[in-house]
Amino acid sequence: MLSTGTRPRVLVVDDEGDIRVIVGLNLGLAGMEFGEAKDGNEALDFLRGGDWHACILDLAMPTVDGFEVLKTLSAEGIIDQIAVIVLSAKGSPAVAIEALQLGAHAHLTKPFSPGAVAHTVGELIALSPEERRARRDEMIERAGALSRLGLGTV
């Protein structure tokens, strides 16, 4: 959760510069500070060394992909300290479930609404780590049910 008067700091991780800029500008319009990382290695360096409230993470990146970032953040306990939103062109229920099971708190698909991304970030950083985990568990359950029924994504 955010203390009163603190501007949220969000790391935008994507190998596509245009995506980082679009998302970052919209975060700025929503009153948030943002940083950029172009790959998973850079993201891990930033997240290990900074005071971040959230991370928007692409899954398909060269070198270290988003799945590996999620695994590392989980193993190091960082995932419990920040809100992690996956933003990916991979929109299948199986991919969403995998990302959530690895620790992501939300899964949004490309193409996306930049305003919706900023809104999701705001919602998640307002929650305590326990509330984020409960929300994630609910989404995993819902996504699994949709997948079993063949009805689409989360």
N, C-alpha and C. Protein backbone atom coordinates (compact mmCIF):
# COMPACT_ATOMS: atom_id res chain seq x y z
N MET A 1 0.84 -1.18 0.00
CA MET A 1 0.00 0.00 0.00
C MET A 1 0.88 1.24 0.00
N LEU A 2 0.32 2.31 -0.48
CA LEU A 2 1.04 3.56 -0.65
C LEU A 2 0.75 4.49 0.52
N SER A 3 1.79 5.15 1.03
CA SER A 3 1.54 6.13 2.07
C SER A 3 1.02 7.42 1.43
N THR A 4 0.26 8.17 2.18
CA THR A 4 -0.35 9.40 1.67
C THR A 4 0.71 10.37 1.18
N GLY A 5 0.47 10.94 0.00
CA GLY A 5 1.38 11.94 -0.56
C GLY A 5 2.52 11.36 -1.38
N THR A 6 2.65 10.06 -1.41
CA THR A 6 3.71 9.41 -2.17
C THR A 6 3.26 9.18 -3.61
N ARG A 7 4.08 9.61 -4.55
CA ARG A 7 3.78 9.31 -5.96
C ARG A 7 4.23 7.90 -6.26
N PRO A 8 3.34 7.09 -6.79
CA PRO A 8 3.71 5.71 -7.11
C PRO A 8 4.81 5.66 -8.17
N ARG A 9 5.75 4.74 -7.98
CA ARG A 9 6.83 4.51 -8.95
C ARG A 9 6.57 3.18 -9.64
N VAL A 10 6.51 3.23 -10.97
CA VAL A 10 6.15 2.06 -11.77
C VAL A 10 7.25 1.81 -12.80
N LEU A 11 7.74 0.57 -12.86
CA LEU A 11 8.71 0.19 -13.87
C LEU A 11 7.98 -0.45 -15.04
N VAL A 12 8.20 0.08 -16.24
CA VAL A 12 7.59 -0.45 -17.46
C VAL A 12 8.66 -1.25 -18.19
N VAL A 13 8.39 -2.57 -18.35
CA VAL A 13 9.37 -3.48 -18.93
C VAL A 13 8.82 -4.04 -20.24
N ASP A 14 9.44 -3.65 -21.35
CA ASP A 14 9.02 -4.14 -22.66
C ASP A 14 10.18 -3.91 -23.62
N ASP A 15 10.38 -4.84 -24.54
CA ASP A 15 11.46 -4.67 -25.51
C ASP A 15 11.08 -3.70 -26.62
N GLU A 16 9.82 -3.30 -26.67
CA GLU A 16 9.37 -2.32 -27.67
C GLU A 16 9.32 -0.93 -27.03
N GLY A 17 10.19 -0.05 -27.53
CA GLY A 17 10.27 1.30 -26.99
C GLY A 17 8.97 2.07 -27.06
N ASP A 18 8.22 1.90 -28.15
CA ASP A 18 6.95 2.62 -28.30
C ASP A 18 5.96 2.24 -27.19
N ILE A 19 5.94 0.97 -26.84
CA ILE A 19 5.04 0.52 -25.76
C ILE A 19 5.45 1.17 -24.45
N ARG A 20 6.76 1.18 -24.16
CA ARG A 20 7.24 1.81 -22.92
C ARG A 20 6.83 3.27 -22.86
N VAL A 21 6.96 3.97 -23.97
CA VAL A 21 6.62 5.40 -24.00
C VAL A 21 5.12 5.63 -23.82
N ILE A 22 4.30 4.89 -24.54
CA ILE A 22 2.84 5.06 -24.45
C ILE A 22 2.35 4.77 -23.03
N VAL A 23 2.79 3.64 -22.47
CA VAL A 23 2.37 3.29 -21.12
C VAL A 23 2.91 4.31 -20.12
N GLY A 24 4.18 4.68 -20.27
CA GLY A 24 4.78 5.64 -19.35
C GLY A 24 4.09 6.99 -19.35
N LEU A 25 3.76 7.49 -20.53
CA LEU A 25 3.06 8.78 -20.62
C LEU A 25 1.71 8.72 -19.92
N ASN A 26 1.00 7.62 -20.09
CA ASN A 26 -0.30 7.49 -19.43
C ASN A 26 -0.17 7.33 -17.92
N LEU A 27 0.88 6.68 -17.47
CA LEU A 27 1.12 6.60 -16.04
C LEU A 27 1.41 8.00 -15.49
N GLY A 28 2.19 8.76 -16.24
CA GLY A 28 2.48 10.14 -15.83
C GLY A 28 1.23 10.98 -15.74
N LEU A 29 0.34 10.83 -16.71
CA LEU A 29 -0.93 11.58 -16.67
C LEU A 29 -1.78 11.17 -15.47
N ALA A 30 -1.59 9.95 -15.00
CA ALA A 30 -2.33 9.46 -13.83
C ALA A 30 -1.61 9.81 -12.52
N GLY A 31 -0.54 10.61 -12.60
CA GLY A 31 0.15 11.06 -11.40
C GLY A 31 1.22 10.12 -10.88
N MET A 32 1.68 9.22 -11.73
CA MET A 32 2.69 8.25 -11.31
C MET A 32 4.03 8.56 -11.95
N GLU A 33 5.10 8.21 -11.27
CA GLU A 33 6.44 8.27 -11.84
C GLU A 33 6.70 6.93 -12.52
N PHE A 34 7.53 6.93 -13.55
CA PHE A 34 7.82 5.66 -14.21
C PHE A 34 9.27 5.59 -14.64
N GLY A 35 9.75 4.37 -14.68
CA GLY A 35 11.06 4.07 -15.22
C GLY A 35 10.87 3.05 -16.33
N GLU A 36 11.91 2.86 -17.13
CA GLU A 36 11.82 1.94 -18.26
C GLU A 36 12.95 0.93 -18.23
N ALA A 37 12.60 -0.31 -18.61
CA ALA A 37 13.59 -1.36 -18.81
C ALA A 37 13.26 -2.06 -20.11
N LYS A 38 14.29 -2.37 -20.90
CA LYS A 38 14.07 -2.94 -22.23
C LYS A 38 14.14 -4.46 -22.26
N ASP A 39 14.54 -5.08 -21.15
CA ASP A 39 14.59 -6.54 -21.10
C ASP A 39 14.53 -7.02 -19.65
N GLY A 40 14.48 -8.33 -19.50
CA GLY A 40 14.34 -8.90 -18.18
C GLY A 40 15.52 -8.66 -17.26
N ASN A 41 16.73 -8.71 -17.81
CA ASN A 41 17.93 -8.45 -16.98
C ASN A 41 17.90 -7.04 -16.41
N GLU A 42 17.60 -6.08 -17.27
CA GLU A 42 17.53 -4.69 -16.83
C GLU A 42 16.43 -4.52 -15.78
N ALA A 43 15.29 -5.18 -16.00
CA ALA A 43 14.17 -5.10 -15.06
C ALA A 43 14.58 -5.62 -13.69
N LEU A 44 15.24 -6.76 -13.66
CA LEU A 44 15.66 -7.33 -12.37
C LEU A 44 16.64 -6.42 -11.65
N ASP A 45 17.57 -5.81 -12.38
CA ASP A 45 18.51 -4.86 -11.77
C ASP A 45 17.76 -3.69 -11.14
N PHE A 46 16.82 -3.12 -11.88
CA PHE A 46 16.04 -2.00 -11.36
C PHE A 46 15.23 -2.41 -10.14
N LEU A 47 14.53 -3.53 -10.24
CA LEU A 47 13.62 -3.94 -9.17
C LEU A 47 14.36 -4.35 -7.90
N ARG A 48 15.53 -4.90 -8.05
CA ARG A 48 16.34 -5.26 -6.88
C ARG A 48 16.89 -4.04 -6.17
N GLY A 49 17.13 -2.98 -6.93
CA GLY A 49 17.82 -1.83 -6.35
C GLY A 49 16.96 -0.61 -6.11
N GLY A 50 15.67 -0.70 -6.35
CA GLY A 50 14.86 0.51 -6.26
C GLY A 50 13.66 0.36 -5.37
N ASP A 51 13.02 1.48 -5.18
CA ASP A 51 11.82 1.56 -4.37
C ASP A 51 10.62 1.66 -5.33
N TRP A 52 10.19 0.53 -5.86
CA TRP A 52 9.13 0.49 -6.85
C TRP A 52 7.83 0.03 -6.21
N HIS A 53 6.73 0.58 -6.67
CA HIS A 53 5.41 0.17 -6.20
C HIS A 53 4.76 -0.84 -7.13
N ALA A 54 5.15 -0.79 -8.41
CA ALA A 54 4.55 -1.68 -9.39
C ALA A 54 5.50 -1.90 -10.56
N CYS A 55 5.22 -2.97 -11.30
CA CYS A 55 5.97 -3.30 -12.51
C CYS A 55 4.97 -3.76 -13.57
N ILE A 56 5.07 -3.19 -14.75
CA ILE A 56 4.29 -3.64 -15.90
C ILE A 56 5.26 -4.43 -16.77
N LEU A 57 4.95 -5.70 -16.99
CA LEU A 57 5.93 -6.63 -17.54
C LEU A 57 5.44 -7.33 -18.80
N ASP A 58 6.20 -7.18 -19.89
CA ASP A 58 5.95 -7.95 -21.10
C ASP A 58 6.48 -9.36 -20.88
N LEU A 59 5.87 -10.34 -21.53
CA LEU A 59 6.33 -11.72 -21.39
C LEU A 59 7.36 -12.12 -22.44
N ALA A 60 7.15 -11.67 -23.69
CA ALA A 60 8.01 -12.08 -24.79
C ALA A 60 9.11 -11.05 -25.02
N MET A 61 10.26 -11.31 -24.41
CA MET A 61 11.41 -10.43 -24.57
C MET A 61 12.65 -11.28 -24.80
N PRO A 62 13.65 -10.71 -25.50
CA PRO A 62 14.88 -11.46 -25.71
C PRO A 62 15.67 -11.61 -24.41
N THR A 63 16.61 -12.50 -24.41
CA THR A 63 17.52 -12.78 -23.29
C THR A 63 16.79 -13.39 -22.10
N VAL A 64 16.20 -12.55 -21.26
CA VAL A 64 15.43 -13.02 -20.11
C VAL A 64 13.99 -12.58 -20.31
N ASP A 65 13.08 -13.54 -20.48
CA ASP A 65 11.69 -13.19 -20.77
C ASP A 65 10.92 -12.90 -19.48
N GLY A 66 9.68 -12.49 -19.64
CA GLY A 66 8.85 -12.12 -18.50
C GLY A 66 8.58 -13.27 -17.54
N PHE A 67 8.46 -14.48 -18.07
CA PHE A 67 8.25 -15.64 -17.19
C PHE A 67 9.44 -15.83 -16.25
N GLU A 68 10.65 -15.68 -16.79
CA GLU A 68 11.85 -15.81 -15.95
C GLU A 68 11.93 -14.69 -14.92
N VAL A 69 11.51 -13.49 -15.32
CA VAL A 69 11.48 -12.37 -14.37
C VAL A 69 10.52 -12.71 -13.22
N LEU A 70 9.34 -13.21 -13.56
CA LEU A 70 8.36 -13.58 -12.53
C LEU A 70 8.93 -14.64 -11.59
N LYS A 71 9.57 -15.66 -12.14
CA LYS A 71 10.16 -16.72 -11.32
C LYS A 71 11.21 -16.15 -10.37
N THR A 72 12.05 -15.27 -10.89
CA THR A 72 13.12 -14.68 -10.07
C THR A 72 12.54 -13.77 -8.99
N LEU A 73 11.57 -12.94 -9.36
CA LEU A 73 10.94 -12.06 -8.37
C LEU A 73 10.27 -12.86 -7.26
N SER A 74 9.66 -13.97 -7.62
CA SER A 74 9.03 -14.85 -6.63
C SER A 74 10.07 -15.47 -5.72
N ALA A 75 11.13 -16.01 -6.31
CA ALA A 75 12.18 -16.67 -5.54
C ALA A 75 12.87 -15.71 -4.57
N GLU A 76 12.98 -14.44 -4.97
CA GLU A 76 13.67 -13.44 -4.14
C GLU A 76 12.72 -12.70 -3.21
N GLY A 77 11.42 -13.01 -3.25
CA GLY A 77 10.46 -12.37 -2.36
C GLY A 77 10.08 -10.95 -2.76
N ILE A 78 10.54 -10.50 -3.90
CA ILE A 78 10.23 -9.14 -4.36
C ILE A 78 8.78 -9.05 -4.82
N ILE A 79 8.25 -10.14 -5.35
CA ILE A 79 6.90 -10.14 -5.91
C ILE A 79 5.85 -9.78 -4.87
N ASP A 80 6.14 -10.04 -3.60
CA ASP A 80 5.20 -9.71 -2.53
C ASP A 80 5.25 -8.24 -2.15
N GLN A 81 6.28 -7.54 -2.58
CA GLN A 81 6.46 -6.14 -2.21
C GLN A 81 5.90 -5.16 -3.24
N ILE A 82 5.66 -5.62 -4.46
CA ILE A 82 5.19 -4.74 -5.54
C ILE A 82 4.01 -5.38 -6.26
N ALA A 83 3.26 -4.56 -6.96
CA ALA A 83 2.18 -5.06 -7.83
C ALA A 83 2.79 -5.34 -9.19
N VAL A 84 2.53 -6.54 -9.73
CA VAL A 84 3.08 -6.92 -11.03
C VAL A 84 1.93 -7.17 -12.00
N ILE A 85 1.94 -6.39 -13.08
CA ILE A 85 0.92 -6.49 -14.11
C ILE A 85 1.59 -6.97 -15.39
N VAL A 86 1.16 -8.11 -15.89
CA VAL A 86 1.68 -8.61 -17.15
C VAL A 86 0.89 -7.97 -18.29
N LEU A 87 1.61 -7.43 -19.26
CA LEU A 87 1.02 -6.82 -20.44
C LEU A 87 1.63 -7.52 -21.64
N SER A 88 0.84 -8.38 -22.29
CA SER A 88 1.43 -9.24 -23.31
C SER A 88 0.47 -9.52 -24.46
N ALA A 89 1.05 -9.80 -25.61
CA ALA A 89 0.24 -10.23 -26.76
C ALA A 89 -0.23 -11.67 -26.59
N LYS A 90 0.37 -12.38 -25.64
CA LYS A 90 -0.03 -13.76 -25.35
C LYS A 90 -1.25 -13.73 -24.46
N GLY A 91 -2.44 -13.91 -25.05
CA GLY A 91 -3.68 -13.74 -24.32
C GLY A 91 -4.45 -15.00 -24.02
N SER A 92 -3.87 -16.16 -24.23
CA SER A 92 -4.61 -17.39 -23.98
C SER A 92 -4.80 -17.60 -22.48
N PRO A 93 -5.86 -18.30 -22.10
CA PRO A 93 -6.08 -18.59 -20.68
C PRO A 93 -4.89 -19.31 -20.05
N ALA A 94 -4.26 -20.22 -20.79
CA ALA A 94 -3.12 -20.96 -20.24
C ALA A 94 -1.96 -20.02 -19.89
N VAL A 95 -1.70 -19.05 -20.75
CA VAL A 95 -0.63 -18.08 -20.50
C VAL A 95 -0.98 -17.20 -19.31
N ALA A 96 -2.23 -16.73 -19.26
CA ALA A 96 -2.66 -15.90 -18.14
C ALA A 96 -2.53 -16.66 -16.82
N ILE A 97 -2.98 -17.90 -16.81
CA ILE A 97 -2.90 -18.71 -15.59
C ILE A 97 -1.44 -18.92 -15.19
N GLU A 98 -0.58 -19.22 -16.16
CA GLU A 98 0.83 -19.42 -15.83
C GLU A 98 1.45 -18.16 -15.23
N ALA A 99 1.17 -17.01 -15.83
CA ALA A 99 1.72 -15.75 -15.31
C ALA A 99 1.21 -15.48 -13.89
N LEU A 100 -0.07 -15.71 -13.66
CA LEU A 100 -0.64 -15.50 -12.32
C LEU A 100 -0.05 -16.49 -11.32
N GLN A 101 0.10 -17.73 -11.72
CA GLN A 101 0.68 -18.73 -10.81
C GLN A 101 2.13 -18.43 -10.47
N LEU A 102 2.82 -17.75 -11.38
CA LEU A 102 4.21 -17.36 -11.12
C LEU A 102 4.30 -16.09 -10.28
N GLY A 103 3.16 -15.47 -9.99
CA GLY A 103 3.17 -14.32 -9.08
C GLY A 103 2.60 -13.03 -9.61
N ALA A 104 2.30 -12.93 -10.90
CA ALA A 104 1.69 -11.70 -11.42
C ALA A 104 0.35 -11.46 -10.74
N HIS A 105 -0.02 -10.21 -10.61
CA HIS A 105 -1.29 -9.85 -9.96
C HIS A 105 -2.39 -9.52 -10.94
N ALA A 106 -2.01 -9.33 -12.20
CA ALA A 106 -2.99 -9.06 -13.26
C ALA A 106 -2.37 -9.42 -14.59
N HIS A 107 -3.22 -9.73 -15.56
CA HIS A 107 -2.77 -10.06 -16.92
C HIS A 107 -3.63 -9.27 -17.89
N LEU A 108 -3.00 -8.37 -18.64
CA LEU A 108 -3.68 -7.57 -19.66
C LEU A 108 -3.08 -7.92 -21.01
N THR A 109 -3.91 -7.90 -22.05
CA THR A 109 -3.43 -8.29 -23.37
C THR A 109 -3.24 -7.09 -24.29
N LYS A 110 -2.28 -7.23 -25.21
CA LYS A 110 -2.07 -6.27 -26.28
C LYS A 110 -2.96 -6.71 -27.44
N PRO A 111 -3.56 -5.78 -28.17
CA PRO A 111 -3.57 -4.34 -27.94
C PRO A 111 -4.31 -4.00 -26.66
N PHE A 112 -3.98 -2.86 -26.10
CA PHE A 112 -4.49 -2.48 -24.79
C PHE A 112 -4.91 -1.03 -24.77
N SER A 113 -5.69 -0.69 -23.78
CA SER A 113 -6.05 0.70 -23.52
C SER A 113 -5.06 1.25 -22.50
N PRO A 114 -4.26 2.26 -22.87
CA PRO A 114 -3.29 2.81 -21.91
C PRO A 114 -3.96 3.30 -20.62
N GLY A 115 -5.16 3.84 -20.74
CA GLY A 115 -5.88 4.28 -19.55
C GLY A 115 -6.24 3.12 -18.64
N ALA A 116 -6.61 1.98 -19.24
CA ALA A 116 -6.95 0.80 -18.46
C ALA A 116 -5.72 0.26 -17.73
N VAL A 117 -4.57 0.35 -18.37
CA VAL A 117 -3.33 -0.10 -17.72
C VAL A 117 -3.06 0.76 -16.49
N ALA A 118 -3.14 2.08 -16.64
CA ALA A 118 -2.90 2.98 -15.51
C ALA A 118 -3.93 2.74 -14.40
N HIS A 119 -5.18 2.51 -14.78
CA HIS A 119 -6.23 2.24 -13.80
C HIS A 119 -5.92 0.96 -13.02
N THR A 120 -5.51 -0.09 -13.72
CA THR A 120 -5.18 -1.37 -13.07
C THR A 120 -4.01 -1.19 -12.11
N VAL A 121 -2.99 -0.45 -12.53
CA VAL A 121 -1.85 -0.18 -11.64
C VAL A 121 -2.34 0.53 -10.38
N GLY A 122 -3.15 1.56 -10.56
CA GLY A 122 -3.66 2.31 -9.41
C GLY A 122 -4.44 1.44 -8.45
N GLU A 123 -5.29 0.58 -9.00
CA GLU A 123 -6.07 -0.34 -8.16
C GLU A 123 -5.16 -1.26 -7.35
N LEU A 124 -4.17 -1.83 -8.01
CA LEU A 124 -3.32 -2.82 -7.35
C LEU A 124 -2.40 -2.22 -6.30
N ILE A 125 -1.86 -1.04 -6.56
CA ILE A 125 -0.95 -0.46 -5.56
C ILE A 125 -1.71 0.05 -4.34
N ALA A 126 -3.02 0.25 -4.48
CA ALA A 126 -3.84 0.66 -3.34
C ALA A 126 -4.11 -0.51 -2.39
N LEU A 127 -3.87 -1.73 -2.86
CA LEU A 127 -4.13 -2.92 -2.05
C LEU A 127 -2.90 -3.32 -1.23
N SER A 128 -3.14 -3.97 -0.13
CA SER A 128 -2.05 -4.54 0.65
C SER A 128 -1.53 -5.78 -0.08
N PRO A 129 -0.33 -6.25 0.26
CA PRO A 129 0.16 -7.48 -0.37
C PRO A 129 -0.79 -8.66 -0.18
N GLU A 130 -1.42 -8.75 0.97
CA GLU A 130 -2.37 -9.85 1.23
C GLU A 130 -3.58 -9.73 0.32
N GLU A 131 -4.08 -8.51 0.12
CA GLU A 131 -5.23 -8.31 -0.76
C GLU A 131 -4.87 -8.62 -2.21
N ARG A 132 -3.65 -8.25 -2.62
CA ARG A 132 -3.21 -8.57 -3.99
C ARG A 132 -3.13 -10.08 -4.19
N ARG A 133 -2.59 -10.79 -3.19
CA ARG A 133 -2.51 -12.26 -3.31
C ARG A 133 -3.90 -12.88 -3.40
N ALA A 134 -4.83 -12.40 -2.59
CA ALA A 134 -6.20 -12.94 -2.61
C ALA A 134 -6.84 -12.67 -3.97
N ARG A 135 -6.64 -11.49 -4.51
CA ARG A 135 -7.19 -11.14 -5.83
C ARG A 135 -6.58 -12.05 -6.90
N ARG A 136 -5.26 -12.28 -6.81
CA ARG A 136 -4.59 -13.17 -7.77
C ARG A 136 -5.15 -14.58 -7.68
N ASP A 137 -5.32 -15.09 -6.47
CA ASP A 137 -5.86 -16.44 -6.31
C ASP A 137 -7.25 -16.56 -6.91
N GLU A 138 -8.06 -15.52 -6.74
CA GLU A 138 -9.41 -15.51 -7.32
C GLU A 138 -9.34 -15.51 -8.85
N MET A 139 -8.40 -14.74 -9.40
CA MET A 139 -8.25 -14.69 -10.86
C MET A 139 -7.77 -16.03 -11.41
N ILE A 140 -6.87 -16.71 -10.70
CA ILE A 140 -6.40 -18.03 -11.15
C ILE A 140 -7.57 -19.00 -11.18
N GLU A 141 -8.38 -18.97 -10.15
CA GLU A 141 -9.54 -19.86 -10.10
C GLU A 141 -10.51 -19.56 -11.24
N ARG A 142 -10.79 -18.28 -11.47
CA ARG A 142 -11.71 -17.88 -12.54
C ARG A 142 -11.15 -18.24 -13.92
N ALA A 143 -9.86 -17.99 -14.12
CA ALA A 143 -9.24 -18.29 -15.41
C ALA A 143 -9.25 -19.79 -15.67
N GLY A 144 -9.00 -20.57 -14.64
CA GLY A 144 -9.05 -22.03 -14.80
C GLY A 144 -10.43 -22.50 -15.18
N ALA A 145 -11.45 -21.93 -14.55
CA ALA A 145 -12.82 -22.31 -14.88
C ALA A 145 -13.16 -21.94 -16.33
N LEU A 146 -12.76 -20.74 -16.75
CA LEU A 146 -13.02 -20.31 -18.14
C LEU A 146 -12.30 -21.21 -19.12
N SER A 147 -11.06 -21.55 -18.80
CA SER A 147 -10.28 -22.40 -19.67
C SER A 147 -10.90 -23.79 -19.81
N ARG A 148 -11.34 -24.35 -18.69
CA ARG A 148 -11.96 -25.68 -18.73
C ARG A 148 -13.23 -25.66 -19.56
N LEU A 149 -13.92 -24.52 -19.57
CA LEU A 149 -15.14 -24.39 -20.34
C LEU A 149 -14.89 -23.96 -21.79
N GLY A 150 -13.63 -23.61 -22.09
CA GLY A 150 -13.29 -23.16 -23.43
C GLY A 150 -13.85 -21.80 -23.76
N LEU A 151 -13.96 -20.92 -22.74
CA LEU A 151 -14.62 -19.62 -22.94
C LEU A 151 -13.68 -18.43 -23.05
N GLY A 152 -12.38 -18.62 -23.11
CA GLY A 152 -11.51 -17.48 -23.36
C GLY A 152 -10.61 -17.10 -22.22
N THR A 153 -10.21 -15.82 -22.19
CA THR A 153 -9.21 -15.33 -21.26
C THR A 153 -9.84 -14.79 -19.99
N VAL A 154 -8.94 -14.40 -19.07
CA VAL A 154 -9.34 -13.86 -17.78
C VAL A 154 -10.10 -12.58 -17.94
